[in-house]
Protein backbone atom coordinates (compact mmCIF):
# COMPACT_ATOMS: atom_id res chain seq x y z
CA MET A 1 102.30 23.91 111.74
CA PHE A 2 100.74 20.66 110.59
CA ALA A 3 97.25 22.12 111.01
CA ILE A 4 98.09 25.08 108.77
CA LEU A 5 99.47 22.82 106.04
CA PHE A 6 96.46 20.51 106.34
CA ALA A 7 94.04 23.46 106.05
CA LEU A 8 95.85 24.79 102.99
CA ALA A 9 95.88 21.35 101.36
CA ALA A 10 92.17 20.91 102.08
CA GLY A 11 91.41 24.34 100.61
CA VAL A 12 93.36 23.60 97.44
CA LEU A 13 91.65 20.22 97.11
CA VAL A 14 88.19 21.74 97.48
CA TYR A 15 89.00 24.56 95.06
CA PHE A 16 90.27 22.28 92.32
CA TYR A 17 87.73 19.53 92.94
CA ASN A 18 84.86 21.60 91.57
CA PRO A 19 85.99 25.08 90.48
CA VAL A 20 82.72 25.82 88.65
CA GLN A 21 80.66 25.40 91.82
CA HIS A 22 83.22 27.49 93.71
CA PHE A 23 82.91 30.28 91.14
CA ARG A 24 79.12 30.11 91.14
CA ALA A 25 79.04 30.27 94.93
CA ASP A 26 81.28 33.34 94.85
CA LEU A 27 79.01 35.04 92.31
CA HIS A 28 75.93 34.18 94.36
CA ALA A 29 77.49 35.59 97.52
CA ASP A 30 78.59 38.75 95.70
CA ALA A 31 75.12 39.23 94.20
CA GLY A 32 73.49 38.75 97.60
CA GLY A 33 75.81 41.27 99.20
CA LEU A 34 75.16 43.77 96.43
CA LYS A 35 71.40 43.38 96.86
CA VAL A 36 71.62 44.05 100.59
CA THR A 37 73.92 47.03 100.01
CA LEU A 38 71.51 48.54 97.46
CA GLU A 39 68.54 48.02 99.79
CA ILE A 40 70.36 49.73 102.67
CA SER A 41 71.41 52.60 100.40
CA ALA A 42 67.88 53.05 99.08
CA HIS A 43 66.48 53.09 102.60
CA ALA A 44 69.05 55.66 103.73
CA LEU A 45 68.31 57.85 100.70
CA GLU A 46 64.56 57.68 101.35
CA ALA A 47 65.10 58.67 104.98
CA PHE A 48 67.32 61.57 103.93
CA VAL A 49 64.76 62.83 101.39
CA ARG A 50 61.98 62.65 103.99
CA GLN A 51 64.02 64.82 106.36
CA ALA A 52 64.80 67.46 103.73
């Protein structure tokens, strides 16, 4: 129980310590994931068009 409360307290402290960096990191991660998703989709579409 203590470990859960400690983890939550640490998470809140980190979040409020520097929320701008937290937000920027989230945006960077989302942009990176979107780039990978688009590359995979483009590759799949190219493969499908080659088969047709």
